[in-house]
Amino acid sequence: MTDSATWDVLQQEGDYRCGYVALVGRPNVGKSTLMNRILGQKLSIVTAKPQTTRQRISGIKTTREGQVIYVDTPGIHLAAERALNRYMNRVAHAAFHGVDLILFLIEAGRWNKQDEHVARSLESVDTPVWLVVNKIDLVPEKARLLQFLEKQVRTERFAEVFLVAAKSGSGVNGLEQKVMQWLPFSRPYFDETQFTDRSERFLAAEMIREQLMMRLHQELPYSLTVEVEEFKRKDGLVRIGAIVWVEREGQKQIVIGKGGDVLKLVGTRARQALETLFEEKVFLRLWVKVSKDWSDNERALRQFGFDEQS
């Protein structure tokens, strides 16, 4: 760990920067993929399904030049009929404030009503907004991409525009460099060994939910959540016990699977992911329980850790 005196020297010489950068946009534009690429490791869970990210999670990248705290947020969407959807929108909008910079992500070649809704919401904030056009590999023709940006996106509304492909890493280094140059001179906010502000319990629940979302189809992934009841280290082993909550008895049987095959596969894949994340042996136990209509119940949301102050 760099000592306090060294940080003082860096700050006095104007050689160290630190700040918060929010990643915002509609669902499924690649916010989590971009943060994982920047961090160089898996932190936010990623699936092909929209609204995979439900809560704010910060990824901390510390280098000799500075420390950037990237804030990954749920996708902002127009249809917010259930309590969980309204919660996700509130969390995402809260990230507009208290940060030094906002990166507004969109998908190359696609601009819809939800993108326009986010863009208009950002017009009233004082924080600088940079447009990040992701998935540019899906629109290889430069002329078509430029036409899209000029006619549909109206890029003049944004302070800067960047073209990236978060999945492959194209353009990401250039974006990182510009972000670092923009941030204020400051001592770091976090220890240089820390890579997130979230607890290990939270990360464990997310990794389990990711495996469930990847293996369950249609609407079921949106009707479940994961609550970690046990998280202990003993004799070189991390023991984790978690409950998978669903909203209907029929959903419970689907998650368990015939002879328990689905839950067993999810448990195996989640355990492997957790061992990679924690770099320790993991013993994982899963149960499935029903909490009727939990996703539309404010009290149940708080019980399951959906806390807007976290």
Protein backbone atom coordinates (compact mmCIF):
# COMPACT_ATOMS: atom_id res chain seq x y z
CA MET A 1 0.00 0.00 0.00
CA THR A 2 1.32 3.44 -0.91
CA ASP A 3 1.76 5.42 2.31
CA SER A 4 0.07 8.71 3.16
CA ALA A 5 3.23 10.76 2.62
CA THR A 6 3.55 9.46 -0.93
CA TRP A 7 -0.06 10.38 -1.70
CA ASP A 8 0.62 13.87 -0.32
CA VAL A 9 3.57 14.29 -2.67
CA LEU A 10 1.57 13.04 -5.67
CA GLN A 11 -1.27 15.43 -4.89
CA GLN A 12 1.04 18.42 -4.36
CA GLU A 13 2.76 17.74 -7.67
CA GLY A 14 -0.57 17.43 -9.45
CA ASP A 15 0.20 13.87 -10.45
CA TYR A 16 -2.75 11.98 -8.97
CA ARG A 17 -6.42 12.08 -9.86
CA CYS A 18 -9.50 10.44 -8.37
CA GLY A 19 -13.22 10.54 -9.01
CA TYR A 20 -16.54 8.84 -9.68
CA VAL A 21 -17.78 7.98 -13.17
CA ALA A 22 -21.36 6.76 -13.70
CA LEU A 23 -22.24 4.33 -16.50
CA VAL A 24 -25.86 4.93 -17.55
CA GLY A 25 -28.16 3.97 -20.39
CA ARG A 26 -31.12 1.79 -21.30
CA PRO A 27 -30.99 -1.96 -20.60
CA ASN A 28 -28.62 -4.21 -22.54
CA VAL A 29 -26.28 -1.61 -24.04
CA GLY A 30 -23.17 -3.10 -22.41
CA LYS A 31 -22.60 -1.05 -19.26
CA SER A 32 -21.54 -4.06 -17.18
CA THR A 33 -19.42 -5.47 -20.00
CA LEU A 34 -17.59 -2.15 -20.29
CA MET A 35 -16.89 -1.97 -16.56
CA ASN A 36 -15.62 -5.55 -16.47
CA ARG A 37 -13.36 -4.81 -19.45
CA ILE A 38 -11.94 -1.72 -17.75
CA LEU A 39 -11.35 -3.54 -14.47
CA GLY A 40 -9.79 -6.51 -16.23
CA GLN A 41 -11.90 -8.93 -14.20
CA LYS A 42 -15.46 -10.11 -13.73
CA LEU A 43 -17.37 -7.95 -11.25
CA SER A 44 -20.79 -7.10 -12.68
CA ILE A 45 -22.76 -10.09 -13.90
CA VAL A 46 -23.52 -10.19 -17.62
CA THR A 47 -26.17 -12.07 -19.59
CA ALA A 48 -27.92 -11.56 -22.92
CA LYS A 49 -31.13 -10.73 -21.07
CA PRO A 50 -32.09 -7.07 -20.48
CA GLN A 51 -32.18 -5.73 -16.92
CA THR A 52 -29.57 -8.18 -15.67
CA THR A 53 -28.11 -5.42 -13.47
CA ARG A 54 -30.57 -4.56 -10.71
CA GLN A 55 -28.47 -2.60 -8.23
CA ARG A 56 -25.70 -0.07 -8.31
CA ILE A 57 -22.23 -1.57 -8.05
CA SER A 58 -18.93 0.29 -8.13
CA GLY A 59 -15.76 -1.06 -9.68
CA ILE A 60 -12.54 0.57 -8.48
CA LYS A 61 -9.53 0.81 -10.78
CA THR A 62 -6.32 2.09 -9.20
CA THR A 63 -3.17 2.89 -11.18
CA ARG A 64 -0.10 5.03 -10.62
CA GLU A 65 -1.88 7.90 -12.38
CA GLY A 66 -5.07 7.81 -10.37
CA GLN A 67 -8.10 5.99 -9.08
CA VAL A 68 -11.40 5.80 -10.97
CA ILE A 69 -14.58 4.53 -9.34
CA TYR A 70 -16.89 3.35 -12.13
CA VAL A 71 -20.53 3.13 -11.03
CA ASP A 72 -22.48 0.48 -12.95
CA THR A 73 -26.23 1.12 -12.86
CA PRO A 74 -29.44 -0.68 -13.84
CA GLY A 75 -30.77 0.05 -17.31
CA ILE A 76 -33.26 2.92 -17.41
CA HIS A 77 -36.55 1.88 -19.00
CA LEU A 78 -39.90 3.47 -19.73
CA ALA A 79 -42.13 0.60 -18.61
CA ALA A 80 -41.78 0.52 -14.82
CA GLU A 81 -44.98 -1.09 -13.68
CA ARG A 82 -43.68 -3.23 -10.80
CA ALA A 83 -41.94 -2.06 -7.63
CA LEU A 84 -38.64 -3.68 -8.67
CA ASN A 85 -38.62 -1.80 -12.00
CA ARG A 86 -39.38 1.49 -10.27
CA TYR A 87 -36.59 0.78 -7.80
CA MET A 88 -34.09 0.18 -10.62
CA ASN A 89 -35.05 3.42 -12.33
CA ARG A 90 -34.59 5.36 -9.07
CA VAL A 91 -31.16 3.84 -8.49
CA ALA A 92 -30.06 4.66 -12.04
CA HIS A 93 -31.29 8.25 -11.88
CA ALA A 94 -29.62 8.75 -8.50
CA ALA A 95 -26.28 8.03 -10.20
CA PHE A 96 -26.68 11.26 -12.21
CA HIS A 97 -25.68 13.16 -9.09
CA GLY A 98 -22.63 13.04 -6.86
CA VAL A 99 -20.31 11.88 -9.64
CA ASP A 100 -17.63 13.73 -11.60
CA LEU A 101 -18.57 12.41 -15.02
CA ILE A 102 -21.39 10.49 -16.71
CA LEU A 103 -20.80 8.03 -19.55
CA PHE A 104 -24.04 7.57 -21.48
CA LEU A 105 -23.89 4.26 -23.34
CA ILE A 106 -25.88 3.46 -26.45
CA GLU A 107 -25.74 0.64 -28.97
CA ALA A 108 -24.24 1.44 -32.39
CA GLY A 109 -26.90 1.56 -35.08
CA ARG A 110 -29.80 1.55 -32.64
CA TRP A 111 -31.54 4.55 -31.05
CA ASN A 112 -35.00 4.04 -29.59
CA LYS A 113 -37.48 5.77 -27.29
CA GLN A 114 -35.66 4.56 -24.19
CA ASP A 115 -32.36 6.06 -25.41
CA GLU A 116 -34.11 9.36 -26.10
CA HIS A 117 -35.72 9.23 -22.66
CA VAL A 118 -32.30 8.83 -21.01
CA ALA A 119 -30.80 11.59 -23.16
CA ARG A 120 -33.53 14.02 -22.19
CA SER A 121 -33.21 13.08 -18.52
CA LEU A 122 -29.51 13.94 -18.70
CA GLU A 123 -30.15 17.41 -20.14
CA SER A 124 -31.04 18.77 -16.70
CA VAL A 125 -27.92 17.54 -14.85
CA ASP A 126 -24.89 19.73 -14.18
CA THR A 127 -22.44 16.83 -14.49
CA PRO A 128 -20.63 16.54 -17.86
CA VAL A 129 -22.08 13.82 -20.09
CA TRP A 130 -19.97 11.89 -22.61
CA LEU A 131 -21.64 9.69 -25.19
CA VAL A 132 -20.14 6.20 -25.53
CA VAL A 133 -21.29 4.36 -28.65
CA ASN A 134 -20.78 0.67 -27.86
CA LYS A 135 -20.85 -2.44 -30.07
CA ILE A 136 -19.37 -0.61 -33.05
CA ASP A 137 -18.23 -3.98 -34.38
CA LEU A 138 -21.89 -4.64 -35.22
CA VAL A 139 -21.86 -1.69 -37.67
CA PRO A 140 -18.56 -2.12 -39.57
CA GLU A 141 -19.46 0.35 -42.35
CA LYS A 142 -18.14 3.73 -41.21
CA ALA A 143 -20.48 5.68 -43.49
CA ARG A 144 -23.51 3.96 -42.00
CA LEU A 145 -22.26 4.57 -38.46
CA LEU A 146 -21.63 8.27 -39.12
CA GLN A 147 -25.06 8.65 -40.68
CA PHE A 148 -26.62 7.01 -37.63
CA LEU A 149 -24.80 9.39 -35.27
CA GLU A 150 -25.64 12.51 -37.26
CA LYS A 151 -29.29 11.83 -38.01
CA GLN A 152 -30.57 9.82 -35.06
CA VAL A 153 -28.35 10.54 -32.07
CA ARG A 154 -27.61 14.28 -32.44
CA THR A 155 -24.15 14.01 -30.95
CA GLU A 156 -23.84 17.78 -30.52
CA ARG A 157 -25.81 17.36 -27.28
CA PHE A 158 -22.84 15.69 -25.62
CA ALA A 159 -19.47 17.06 -24.49
CA GLU A 160 -17.50 14.14 -26.02
CA VAL A 161 -18.26 11.13 -28.21
CA PHE A 162 -16.38 7.81 -28.08
CA LEU A 163 -16.70 4.72 -30.24
CA VAL A 164 -15.95 1.43 -28.49
CA ALA A 165 -16.56 -2.30 -28.56
CA ALA A 166 -16.52 -3.26 -24.88
CA LYS A 167 -16.59 -6.99 -25.56
CA SER A 168 -13.38 -6.96 -27.62
CA GLY A 169 -11.82 -3.92 -25.95
CA SER A 170 -11.61 -1.78 -29.07
CA GLY A 171 -11.43 1.91 -28.16
CA VAL A 172 -11.66 1.25 -24.42
CA ASN A 173 -8.07 2.26 -23.59
CA GLY A 174 -8.55 5.62 -25.29
CA LEU A 175 -11.74 6.21 -23.33
CA GLU A 176 -9.99 5.34 -20.07
CA GLN A 177 -7.16 7.78 -20.78
CA LYS A 178 -9.58 10.64 -21.46
CA VAL A 179 -11.55 9.82 -18.30
CA MET A 180 -8.38 9.93 -16.20
CA GLN A 181 -7.35 13.28 -17.69
CA TRP A 182 -10.77 14.74 -16.87
CA LEU A 183 -10.97 13.75 -13.20
CA PRO A 184 -9.95 16.22 -10.46
CA PHE A 185 -6.65 16.04 -8.62
CA SER A 186 -7.27 14.18 -5.39
CA ARG A 187 -6.02 11.56 -3.00
CA PRO A 188 -7.56 8.10 -3.58
CA TYR A 189 -10.85 7.32 -1.87
CA PHE A 190 -10.18 3.59 -1.49
CA ASP A 191 -7.29 1.30 -0.65
CA GLU A 192 -5.39 0.40 -3.81
CA THR A 193 -6.13 -3.33 -3.28
CA GLN A 194 -9.92 -2.79 -3.18
CA PHE A 195 -11.77 -3.43 -6.46
CA THR A 196 -15.39 -2.85 -5.39
CA ASP A 197 -17.50 -1.21 -2.70
CA ARG A 198 -19.78 -4.25 -2.45
CA SER A 199 -19.58 -7.06 0.11
CA GLU A 200 -18.62 -10.63 -0.67
CA ARG A 201 -22.17 -11.69 0.25
CA PHE A 202 -23.54 -9.38 -2.43
CA LEU A 203 -21.10 -10.68 -5.03
CA ALA A 204 -21.97 -14.29 -4.16
CA ALA A 205 -25.69 -13.63 -4.60
CA GLU A 206 -25.06 -11.96 -7.95
CA MET A 207 -22.92 -14.81 -9.28
CA ILE A 208 -25.64 -17.31 -8.36
CA ARG A 209 -28.32 -15.16 -10.00
CA GLU A 210 -26.24 -14.89 -13.15
CA GLN A 211 -26.16 -18.66 -13.53
CA LEU A 212 -29.92 -18.82 -12.98
CA MET A 213 -30.59 -16.15 -15.60
CA MET A 214 -28.36 -17.91 -18.12
CA ARG A 215 -30.15 -21.24 -17.73
CA LEU A 216 -33.78 -20.22 -17.36
CA HIS A 217 -35.84 -18.94 -20.25
CA GLN A 218 -38.56 -16.40 -20.91
CA GLU A 219 -39.82 -14.38 -17.94
CA LEU A 220 -38.74 -16.60 -15.05
CA PRO A 221 -35.35 -14.90 -14.45
CA TYR A 222 -37.17 -11.66 -13.65
CA SER A 223 -39.29 -13.40 -11.03
CA LEU A 224 -36.40 -14.62 -8.92
CA THR A 225 -33.82 -13.16 -6.60
CA VAL A 226 -31.06 -14.61 -4.41
CA GLU A 227 -30.52 -14.06 -0.70
CA VAL A 228 -27.30 -15.26 0.95
CA GLU A 229 -28.04 -16.51 4.47
CA GLU A 230 -24.65 -17.99 5.33
CA PHE A 231 -21.16 -16.82 4.44
CA LYS A 232 -18.35 -18.25 6.56
CA ARG A 233 -14.68 -19.06 6.17
CA LYS A 234 -13.37 -22.07 8.04
CA ASP A 235 -10.45 -24.45 7.52
CA GLY A 236 -9.58 -22.99 4.13
CA LEU A 237 -13.15 -23.26 2.83
CA VAL A 238 -15.77 -20.60 2.10
CA ARG A 239 -19.19 -21.96 3.09
CA ILE A 240 -22.10 -20.23 1.37
CA GLY A 241 -25.79 -20.95 1.88
CA ALA A 242 -28.28 -19.11 -0.33
CA ILE A 243 -32.01 -19.04 -0.97
CA VAL A 244 -33.41 -18.61 -4.46
CA TRP A 245 -36.72 -16.76 -4.05
CA VAL A 246 -39.43 -17.08 -6.70
CA GLU A 247 -43.01 -15.81 -6.89
CA ARG A 248 -44.99 -18.98 -7.67
CA GLU A 249 -44.96 -22.67 -6.71
CA GLY A 250 -44.76 -23.58 -10.39
CA GLN A 251 -41.64 -21.46 -10.75
CA LYS A 252 -40.06 -23.28 -7.83
CA GLN A 253 -40.36 -26.61 -9.63
CA ILE A 254 -38.83 -25.15 -12.80
CA VAL A 255 -35.82 -23.79 -10.89
CA ILE A 256 -35.28 -27.11 -9.12
CA GLY A 257 -35.73 -29.11 -12.31
CA LYS A 258 -36.45 -32.78 -12.84
CA GLY A 259 -34.72 -34.67 -10.07
CA GLY A 260 -33.00 -31.42 -9.06
CA ASP A 261 -30.94 -31.29 -12.26
CA VAL A 262 -31.36 -27.55 -12.94
CA LEU A 263 -30.48 -26.43 -9.41
CA LYS A 264 -27.55 -28.84 -9.32
CA LEU A 265 -26.12 -27.44 -12.56
CA VAL A 266 -26.64 -23.85 -11.39
CA GLY A 267 -24.92 -24.66 -8.10
CA THR A 268 -21.93 -26.24 -9.83
CA ARG A 269 -21.43 -23.35 -12.26
CA ALA A 270 -21.95 -20.73 -9.55
CA ARG A 271 -19.47 -22.46 -7.25
CA GLN A 272 -16.86 -22.48 -10.03
CA ALA A 273 -17.43 -18.77 -10.69
CA LEU A 274 -17.14 -17.96 -7.00
CA GLU A 275 -13.93 -19.94 -6.63
CA THR A 276 -12.47 -17.92 -9.50
CA LEU A 277 -13.63 -14.65 -7.95
CA PHE A 278 -12.51 -15.36 -4.38
CA GLU A 279 -9.52 -17.55 -5.31
CA GLU A 280 -10.61 -19.97 -2.59
CA LYS A 281 -12.42 -23.28 -2.33
CA VAL A 282 -16.18 -22.83 -2.02
CA PHE A 283 -18.90 -25.09 -0.63
CA LEU A 284 -22.28 -23.87 -1.89
CA ARG A 285 -25.78 -24.93 -0.82
CA LEU A 286 -28.94 -23.66 -2.52
CA TRP A 287 -32.61 -23.77 -1.53
CA VAL A 288 -35.66 -22.56 -3.46
CA LYS A 289 -38.53 -20.83 -1.66
CA VAL A 290 -41.64 -18.89 -2.63
CA SER A 291 -42.41 -15.28 -1.70
CA LYS A 292 -45.57 -14.38 -3.58
CA ASP A 293 -45.20 -11.35 -5.88
CA TRP A 294 -42.03 -10.22 -4.09
CA SER A 295 -40.97 -8.06 -7.06
CA ASP A 296 -44.02 -5.82 -6.58
CA ASN A 297 -43.72 -5.56 -2.80
CA GLU A 298 -41.66 -2.70 -1.34
CA ARG A 299 -41.23 -4.47 2.00
CA ALA A 300 -39.99 -7.66 0.33
CA LEU A 301 -37.54 -5.65 -1.76
CA ARG A 302 -35.97 -4.17 1.36
CA GLN A 303 -35.83 -7.63 2.95
CA PHE A 304 -33.95 -8.98 -0.04
CA GLY A 305 -31.37 -6.18 0.02
CA PHE A 306 -32.75 -3.72 -2.48
CA ASP A 307 -31.63 -0.72 -0.48
CA GLU A 308 -31.34 2.59 -2.30
CA GLN A 309 -28.87 3.86 0.29
CA SER A 310 -26.39 1.01 -0.22
